[in-house]
Amino acid sequence: MTSTFPDISISTDRLVLRPFEEEDIPALTEMMADDQITAWMAQPLPYTEAEARHFITRRAPALRSSGQGIVFAVTEFLTQRLVGIVALHGTDWRVLSAEATYATASWARGEGYASESLLALAQWLFQDQKFERLELRTAADNTAAQQVTQKLGCISEGVLRNAWIARTRTEGWGAPRPEASLRAGAPPEGGWTEIRTDLIVWSLLPEDLDGAFEQLAETGGYAPYPDWAQHN
């Protein structure tokens, strides 16, 4: 029998982490098309509404049903607006470890939503699921992601050299195209190019969060989410 994570939502003082719904497709499409997310995450380019629909209705449920992980939409408690995504993958049920990834909508950055949602995820993983290790990996040049891991209290364990492919804007992106190239049907100038980079490996253990479990209990804790859509 395959071990799987339960169907739940997780609430904090400001956020609700819940399974994605089809109503989230437009907001997810807009969020994932942001330049910062495109630069650091291995997502399809361009990120279309069809890709968002496939992710929400197929890939995310399959990740959970296969036992490999779980995906949460991160929404504001008051407005229910989608502010981000957090996920667990690479789950090892024998070792009781998993890797976390996340993304935050451009308009919601600077509010502490990334660290708040990751902390809630870690607390649930350690306290409720009895896991022993949470791992995060950040690109060497992604200083914002490194600040989030440090805020959580993660410990840097080392560097995986040349282990990731990031993207960067090419020279001439956004520049007007000469009329001659338009007539000739030339491809648009500029865009994205791929670059290799190192990954910094971070870890979080239950003892790293000593005293933090009470925070989540005071602000809502965990709640079952019975409407998770199953897709085979």
C-alpha atoms as a PDB file:
ATOM      1  CA  MET A   1       0.000   0.000   0.000  1.00  0.00           C
ATOM      2  CA  THR A   2       1.361   3.393  -1.011  1.00  0.00           C
ATOM      3  CA  SER A   3       1.776   5.943   1.756  1.00  0.00           C
ATOM      4  CA  THR A   4       0.165   9.280   0.925  1.00  0.00           C
ATOM      5  CA  PHE A   5      -0.398  12.619   2.605  1.00  0.00           C
ATOM      6  CA  PRO A   6      -3.948  13.279   3.855  1.00  0.00           C
ATOM      7  CA  ASP A   7      -6.484  15.620   2.271  1.00  0.00           C
ATOM      8  CA  ILE A   8      -6.179  18.712   4.431  1.00  0.00           C
ATOM      9  CA  SER A   9      -6.009  22.458   4.543  1.00  0.00           C
ATOM     10  CA  ILE A  10      -3.641  24.321   6.859  1.00  0.00           C
ATOM     11  CA  SER A  11      -4.490  27.716   8.288  1.00  0.00           C
ATOM     12  CA  THR A  12      -2.299  30.435   9.782  1.00  0.00           C
ATOM     13  CA  ASP A  13      -3.088  33.900  11.060  1.00  0.00           C
ATOM     14  CA  ARG A  14      -3.200  35.333   7.514  1.00  0.00           C
ATOM     15  CA  LEU A  15      -3.169  32.386   5.126  1.00  0.00           C
ATOM     16  CA  VAL A  16      -4.968  29.202   4.139  1.00  0.00           C
ATOM     17  CA  LEU A  17      -3.022  26.409   2.449  1.00  0.00           C
ATOM     18  CA  ARG A  18      -5.469  24.206   0.526  1.00  0.00           C
ATOM     19  CA  PRO A  19      -5.658  21.987  -2.558  1.00  0.00           C
ATOM     20  CA  PHE A  20      -5.912  23.817  -5.860  1.00  0.00           C
ATOM     21  CA  GLU A  21      -9.318  24.153  -7.522  1.00  0.00           C
ATOM     22  CA  GLU A  22     -10.200  24.791 -11.157  1.00  0.00           C
ATOM     23  CA  GLU A  23     -11.290  28.307 -10.194  1.00  0.00           C
ATOM     24  CA  ASP A  24      -7.598  29.007  -9.465  1.00  0.00           C
ATOM     25  CA  ILE A  25      -6.540  28.513 -13.101  1.00  0.00           C
ATOM     26  CA  PRO A  26      -6.525  32.204 -14.158  1.00  0.00           C
ATOM     27  CA  ALA A  27      -4.700  33.347 -11.015  1.00  0.00           C
ATOM     28  CA  LEU A  28      -2.125  30.542 -11.262  1.00  0.00           C
ATOM     29  CA  THR A  29      -1.494  31.335 -14.939  1.00  0.00           C
ATOM     30  CA  GLU A  30      -0.877  34.992 -14.131  1.00  0.00           C
ATOM     31  CA  MET A  31       1.345  34.201 -11.151  1.00  0.00           C
ATOM     32  CA  MET A  32       3.569  31.698 -12.957  1.00  0.00           C
ATOM     33  CA  ALA A  33       4.130  34.037 -15.914  1.00  0.00           C
ATOM     34  CA  ASP A  34       6.080  36.445 -13.680  1.00  0.00           C
ATOM     35  CA  ASP A  35       9.711  37.011 -14.657  1.00  0.00           C
ATOM     36  CA  GLN A  36      11.160  36.126 -11.238  1.00  0.00           C
ATOM     37  CA  ILE A  37       9.335  32.800 -11.153  1.00  0.00           C
ATOM     38  CA  THR A  38      10.288  32.071 -14.759  1.00  0.00           C
ATOM     39  CA  ALA A  39      13.936  32.794 -13.967  1.00  0.00           C
ATOM     40  CA  TRP A  40      14.302  30.412 -11.037  1.00  0.00           C
ATOM     41  CA  MET A  41      11.745  27.635 -11.535  1.00  0.00           C
ATOM     42  CA  ALA A  42      11.693  24.807 -14.091  1.00  0.00           C
ATOM     43  CA  GLN A  43       8.288  25.630 -15.494  1.00  0.00           C
ATOM     44  CA  PRO A  44       7.014  25.538 -19.090  1.00  0.00           C
ATOM     45  CA  LEU A  45       7.726  28.702 -21.058  1.00  0.00           C
ATOM     46  CA  PRO A  46       5.432  30.378 -21.799  1.00  0.00           C
ATOM     47  CA  TYR A  47       3.171  29.320 -18.944  1.00  0.00           C
ATOM     48  CA  THR A  48      -0.291  29.077 -20.455  1.00  0.00           C
ATOM     49  CA  GLU A  49      -3.767  28.578 -19.064  1.00  0.00           C
ATOM     50  CA  ALA A  50      -3.721  25.064 -20.524  1.00  0.00           C
ATOM     51  CA  GLU A  51      -0.592  24.284 -18.500  1.00  0.00           C
ATOM     52  CA  ALA A  52      -2.215  25.661 -15.343  1.00  0.00           C
ATOM     53  CA  ARG A  53      -5.294  23.530 -15.947  1.00  0.00           C
ATOM     54  CA  HIS A  54      -3.178  20.407 -16.464  1.00  0.00           C
ATOM     55  CA  PHE A  55      -1.225  21.129 -13.295  1.00  0.00           C
ATOM     56  CA  ILE A  56      -4.327  21.676 -11.163  1.00  0.00           C
ATOM     57  CA  THR A  57      -6.458  18.823 -12.493  1.00  0.00           C
ATOM     58  CA  ARG A  58      -3.766  16.212 -13.208  1.00  0.00           C
ATOM     59  CA  ARG A  59      -0.239  16.788 -11.976  1.00  0.00           C
ATOM     60  CA  ALA A  60      -0.974  18.058  -8.472  1.00  0.00           C
ATOM     61  CA  PRO A  61      -3.490  15.295  -7.591  1.00  0.00           C
ATOM     62  CA  ALA A  62      -1.176  12.673  -9.106  1.00  0.00           C
ATOM     63  CA  LEU A  63       1.730  13.858  -6.961  1.00  0.00           C
ATOM     64  CA  ARG A  64      -0.321  13.166  -3.847  1.00  0.00           C
ATOM     65  CA  SER A  65      -1.956   9.906  -4.964  1.00  0.00           C
ATOM     66  CA  SER A  66       1.440   8.463  -5.946  1.00  0.00           C
ATOM     67  CA  GLY A  67       2.843   9.205  -2.498  1.00  0.00           C
ATOM     68  CA  GLN A  68       5.553  11.457  -3.921  1.00  0.00           C
ATOM     69  CA  GLY A  69       4.325  14.672  -2.294  1.00  0.00           C
ATOM     70  CA  ILE A  70       1.520  17.196  -2.000  1.00  0.00           C
ATOM     71  CA  VAL A  71       0.699  20.630  -3.449  1.00  0.00           C
ATOM     72  CA  PHE A  72      -1.024  23.521  -1.690  1.00  0.00           C
ATOM     73  CA  ALA A  73      -2.491  26.718  -3.057  1.00  0.00           C
ATOM     74  CA  VAL A  74      -1.611  29.538  -0.656  1.00  0.00           C
ATOM     75  CA  THR A  75      -4.458  32.031  -0.291  1.00  0.00           C
ATOM     76  CA  GLU A  76      -5.122  35.073   1.855  1.00  0.00           C
ATOM     77  CA  PHE A  77      -7.469  34.243   4.711  1.00  0.00           C
ATOM     78  CA  LEU A  78      -9.534  37.434   4.357  1.00  0.00           C
ATOM     79  CA  THR A  79      -9.677  37.867   0.564  1.00  0.00           C
ATOM     80  CA  GLN A  80      -9.174  34.224  -0.548  1.00  0.00           C
ATOM     81  CA  ARG A  81      -6.867  35.605  -3.235  1.00  0.00           C
ATOM     82  CA  LEU A  82      -4.102  33.287  -4.473  1.00  0.00           C
ATOM     83  CA  VAL A  83      -0.766  34.543  -3.167  1.00  0.00           C
ATOM     84  CA  GLY A  84       1.449  31.556  -3.897  1.00  0.00           C
ATOM     85  CA  ILE A  85       2.097  27.860  -3.981  1.00  0.00           C
ATOM     86  CA  VAL A  86       3.986  25.490  -1.680  1.00  0.00           C
ATOM     87  CA  ALA A  87       4.670  21.842  -2.381  1.00  0.00           C
ATOM     88  CA  LEU A  88       6.415  18.774  -1.060  1.00  0.00           C
ATOM     89  CA  HIS A  89       8.046  16.331  -3.441  1.00  0.00           C
ATOM     90  CA  GLY A  90      10.773  13.704  -3.466  1.00  0.00           C
ATOM     91  CA  THR A  91       9.154  12.203  -0.364  1.00  0.00           C
ATOM     92  CA  ASP A  92      10.997   9.304   1.276  1.00  0.00           C
ATOM     93  CA  TRP A  93       8.549   7.504   3.549  1.00  0.00           C
ATOM     94  CA  ARG A  94      11.249   5.282   5.060  1.00  0.00           C
ATOM     95  CA  VAL A  95      13.594   8.133   5.962  1.00  0.00           C
ATOM     96  CA  LEU A  96      10.635  10.457   6.599  1.00  0.00           C
ATOM     97  CA  SER A  97      12.039  13.325   4.572  1.00  0.00           C
ATOM     98  CA  ALA A  98      10.765  15.548   1.776  1.00  0.00           C
ATOM     99  CA  GLU A  99      11.851  18.561  -0.263  1.00  0.00           C
ATOM    100  CA  ALA A 100       9.826  21.771  -0.281  1.00  0.00           C
ATOM    101  CA  THR A 101       9.412  24.189  -3.161  1.00  0.00           C
ATOM    102  CA  TYR A 102       7.418  27.404  -3.302  1.00  0.00           C
ATOM    103  CA  ALA A 103       6.555  30.471  -5.357  1.00  0.00           C
ATOM    104  CA  THR A 104       4.938  33.781  -4.436  1.00  0.00           C
ATOM    105  CA  ALA A 105       2.879  36.058  -6.669  1.00  0.00           C
ATOM    106  CA  SER A 106       4.712  39.266  -7.593  1.00  0.00           C
ATOM    107  CA  TRP A 107       2.110  41.514  -5.966  1.00  0.00           C
ATOM    108  CA  ALA A 108       2.303  39.586  -2.678  1.00  0.00           C
ATOM    109  CA  ARG A 109       6.072  39.733  -2.133  1.00  0.00           C
ATOM    110  CA  GLY A 110       7.513  41.567   0.812  1.00  0.00           C
ATOM    111  CA  GLU A 111       4.666  40.539   3.120  1.00  0.00           C
ATOM    112  CA  GLY A 112       6.341  37.486   4.633  1.00  0.00           C
ATOM    113  CA  TYR A 113       3.888  35.102   2.987  1.00  0.00           C
ATOM    114  CA  ALA A 114       6.586  32.706   1.745  1.00  0.00           C
ATOM    115  CA  SER A 115       8.129  32.146   5.175  1.00  0.00           C
ATOM    116  CA  GLU A 116       4.719  32.004   6.872  1.00  0.00           C
ATOM    117  CA  SER A 117       3.407  29.320   4.505  1.00  0.00           C
ATOM    118  CA  LEU A 118       6.610  27.296   4.652  1.00  0.00           C
ATOM    119  CA  LEU A 119       6.642  27.446   8.440  1.00  0.00           C
ATOM    120  CA  ALA A 120       3.055  26.193   8.534  1.00  0.00           C
ATOM    121  CA  LEU A 121       3.969  23.395   6.133  1.00  0.00           C
ATOM    122  CA  ALA A 122       7.006  22.407   8.201  1.00  0.00           C
ATOM    123  CA  GLN A 123       5.054  22.420  11.451  1.00  0.00           C
ATOM    124  CA  TRP A 124       2.367  20.205   9.974  1.00  0.00           C
ATOM    125  CA  LEU A 125       4.952  17.868   8.415  1.00  0.00           C
ATOM    126  CA  PHE A 126       6.898  17.444  11.654  1.00  0.00           C
ATOM    127  CA  GLN A 127       4.132  17.478  14.223  1.00  0.00           C
ATOM    128  CA  ASP A 128       1.240  15.795  12.420  1.00  0.00           C
ATOM    129  CA  GLN A 129       3.060  13.567   9.922  1.00  0.00           C
ATOM    130  CA  LYS A 130       6.035  12.814  12.212  1.00  0.00           C
ATOM    131  CA  PHE A 131       8.627  13.537   9.514  1.00  0.00           C
ATOM    132  CA  GLU A 132      12.253  14.037  10.521  1.00  0.00           C
ATOM    133  CA  ARG A 133      13.685  16.224   7.759  1.00  0.00           C
ATOM    134  CA  LEU A 134      12.596  18.978   5.370  1.00  0.00           C
ATOM    135  CA  GLU A 135      14.966  20.031   2.622  1.00  0.00           C
ATOM    136  CA  LEU A 136      15.026  23.160   0.455  1.00  0.00           C
ATOM    137  CA  ARG A 137      17.335  23.994  -2.426  1.00  0.00           C
ATOM    138  CA  THR A 138      18.006  27.515  -3.642  1.00  0.00           C
ATOM    139  CA  ALA A 139      19.906  28.721  -6.693  1.00  0.00           C
ATOM    140  CA  ALA A 140      23.190  30.335  -5.715  1.00  0.00           C
ATOM    141  CA  ASP A 141      22.175  33.748  -7.089  1.00  0.00           C
ATOM    142  CA  ASN A 142      18.630  33.709  -5.712  1.00  0.00           C
ATOM    143  CA  THR A 143      19.250  35.856  -2.648  1.00  0.00           C
ATOM    144  CA  ALA A 144      15.533  36.338  -1.919  1.00  0.00           C
ATOM    145  CA  ALA A 145      15.024  32.574  -1.588  1.00  0.00           C
ATOM    146  CA  GLN A 146      18.077  32.307   0.656  1.00  0.00           C
ATOM    147  CA  GLN A 147      16.653  34.982   2.949  1.00  0.00           C
ATOM    148  CA  VAL A 148      13.444  32.969   3.282  1.00  0.00           C
ATOM    149  CA  THR A 149      15.325  29.823   4.309  1.00  0.00           C
ATOM    150  CA  GLN A 150      17.395  31.764   6.829  1.00  0.00           C
ATOM    151  CA  LYS A 151      14.250  33.322   8.298  1.00  0.00           C
ATOM    152  CA  LEU A 152      12.846  29.821   8.811  1.00  0.00           C
ATOM    153  CA  GLY A 153      15.980  28.784  10.662  1.00  0.00           C
ATOM    154  CA  CYS A 154      17.196  26.363   8.003  1.00  0.00           C
ATOM    155  CA  ILE A 155      20.795  25.159   8.140  1.00  0.00           C
ATOM    156  CA  SER A 156      22.969  25.389   5.040  1.00  0.00           C
ATOM    157  CA  GLU A 157      24.502  21.979   4.363  1.00  0.00           C
ATOM    158  CA  GLY A 158      26.545  22.563   1.240  1.00  0.00           C
ATOM    159  CA  VAL A 159      26.537  23.262  -2.478  1.00  0.00           C
ATOM    160  CA  LEU A 160      25.519  21.085  -5.413  1.00  0.00           C
ATOM    161  CA  ARG A 161      27.765  22.398  -8.149  1.00  0.00           C
ATOM    162  CA  ASN A 162      26.277  23.062 -11.586  1.00  0.00           C
ATOM    163  CA  ALA A 163      23.088  21.295 -10.468  1.00  0.00           C
ATOM    164  CA  TRP A 164      20.407  23.676 -11.755  1.00  0.00           C
ATOM    165  CA  ILE A 165      19.410  25.461 -14.934  1.00  0.00           C
ATOM    166  CA  ALA A 166      18.077  28.964 -14.389  1.00  0.00           C
ATOM    167  CA  ARG A 167      16.912  31.475 -16.981  1.00  0.00           C
ATOM    168  CA  THR A 168      17.943  35.030 -17.710  1.00  0.00           C
ATOM    169  CA  ARG A 169      16.630  37.657 -20.087  1.00  0.00           C
ATOM    170  CA  THR A 170      18.591  37.883 -23.311  1.00  0.00           C
ATOM    171  CA  GLU A 171      20.068  41.109 -24.608  1.00  0.00           C
ATOM    172  CA  GLY A 172      17.635  43.074 -26.714  1.00  0.00           C
ATOM    173  CA  TRP A 173      14.541  41.699 -25.015  1.00  0.00           C
ATOM    174  CA  GLY A 174      11.647  44.071 -25.483  1.00  0.00           C
ATOM    175  CA  ALA A 175      13.393  46.129 -28.158  1.00  0.00           C
ATOM    176  CA  PRO A 176      11.341  47.101 -31.229  1.00  0.00           C
ATOM    177  CA  ARG A 177      11.826  44.750 -34.169  1.00  0.00           C
ATOM    178  CA  PRO A 178      13.015  46.191 -37.489  1.00  0.00           C
ATOM    179  CA  GLU A 179      10.318  46.296 -40.142  1.00  0.00           C
ATOM    180  CA  ALA A 180      12.467  44.151 -42.443  1.00  0.00           C
ATOM    181  CA  SER A 181      12.593  41.317 -39.919  1.00  0.00           C
ATOM    182  CA  LEU A 182       8.836  41.479 -39.490  1.00  0.00           C
ATOM    183  CA  ARG A 183       8.353  41.106 -43.234  1.00  0.00           C
ATOM    184  CA  ALA A 184      10.811  38.220 -43.342  1.00  0.00           C
ATOM    185  CA  GLY A 185       8.995  36.410 -40.548  1.00  0.00           C
ATOM    186  CA  ALA A 186      12.049  36.404 -38.272  1.00  0.00           C
ATOM    187  CA  PRO A 187      11.524  35.195 -34.665  1.00  0.00           C
ATOM    188  CA  PRO A 188      11.142  37.857 -31.975  1.00  0.00           C
ATOM    189  CA  GLU A 189      14.386  39.343 -30.696  1.00  0.00           C
ATOM    190  CA  GLY A 190      15.327  38.739 -27.096  1.00  0.00           C
ATOM    191  CA  GLY A 191      13.523  36.470 -24.658  1.00  0.00           C
ATOM    192  CA  TRP A 192      15.065  33.936 -22.281  1.00  0.00           C
ATOM    193  CA  THR A 193      18.295  31.991 -22.282  1.00  0.00           C
ATOM    194  CA  GLU A 194      19.262  29.132 -19.963  1.00  0.00           C
ATOM    195  CA  ILE A 195      22.279  29.285 -17.652  1.00  0.00           C
ATOM    196  CA  ARG A 196      23.778  26.702 -15.316  1.00  0.00           C
ATOM    197  CA  THR A 197      24.099  27.536 -11.642  1.00  0.00           C
ATOM    198  CA  ASP A 198      24.878  25.929  -8.303  1.00  0.00           C
ATOM    199  CA  LEU A 199      22.263  24.904  -5.755  1.00  0.00           C
ATOM    200  CA  ILE A 200      22.591  25.558  -2.030  1.00  0.00           C
ATOM    201  CA  VAL A 201      21.117  22.745   0.071  1.00  0.00           C
ATOM    202  CA  TRP A 202      19.255  23.721   3.246  1.00  0.00           C
ATOM    203  CA  SER A 203      17.664  21.496   5.889  1.00  0.00           C
ATOM    204  CA  LEU A 204      15.136  21.923   8.657  1.00  0.00           C
ATOM    205  CA  LEU A 205      14.659  19.382  11.452  1.00  0.00           C
ATOM    206  CA  PRO A 206      11.929  19.191  14.114  1.00  0.00           C
ATOM    207  CA  GLU A 207      14.270  20.465  16.810  1.00  0.00           C
ATOM    208  CA  ASP A 208      15.002  23.554  14.723  1.00  0.00           C
ATOM    209  CA  LEU A 209      11.388  24.604  15.307  1.00  0.00           C
ATOM    210  CA  ASP A 210      11.289  24.066  19.079  1.00  0.00           C
ATOM    211  CA  GLY A 211       8.666  26.384  20.554  1.00  0.00           C
ATOM    212  CA  ALA A 212       7.152  27.250  17.188  1.00  0.00           C
ATOM    213  CA  PHE A 213       4.418  24.583  17.110  1.00  0.00           C
ATOM    214  CA  GLU A 214       2.212  26.589  19.452  1.00  0.00           C
ATOM    215  CA  GLN A 215       2.085  29.474  16.973  1.00  0.00           C
ATOM    216  CA  LEU A 216       0.082  27.476  14.446  1.00  0.00           C
ATOM    217  CA  ALA A 217      -2.293  26.046  17.039  1.00  0.00           C
ATOM    218  CA  GLU A 218      -3.103  29.562  18.229  1.00  0.00           C
ATOM    219  CA  THR A 219      -3.935  30.771  14.710  1.00  0.00           C
ATOM    220  CA  GLY A 220      -6.097  27.954  13.419  1.00  0.00           C
ATOM    221  CA  GLY A 221      -4.081  24.767  13.119  1.00  0.00           C
ATOM    222  CA  TYR A 222      -5.063  22.058  10.654  1.00  0.00           C
ATOM    223  CA  ALA A 223      -8.419  21.276   9.108  1.00  0.00           C
ATOM    224  CA  PRO A 224      -9.588  18.391   6.904  1.00  0.00           C
ATOM    225  CA  TYR A 225     -10.231  19.183   3.254  1.00  0.00           C
ATOM    226  CA  PRO A 226     -12.684  16.519   2.006  1.00  0.00           C
ATOM    227  CA  ASP A 227     -13.230  17.972  -1.476  1.00  0.00           C
ATOM    228  CA  TRP A 228      -9.810  17.041  -2.901  1.00  0.00           C
ATOM    229  CA  ALA A 229     -10.398  15.996  -6.502  1.00  0.00           C
ATOM    230  CA  GLN A 230      -9.014  12.596  -7.433  1.00  0.00           C
ATOM    231  CA  HIS A 231      -7.826  12.158 -11.029  1.00  0.00           C
ATOM    232  CA  ASN A 232      -6.415   8.894 -12.278  1.00  0.00           C
END
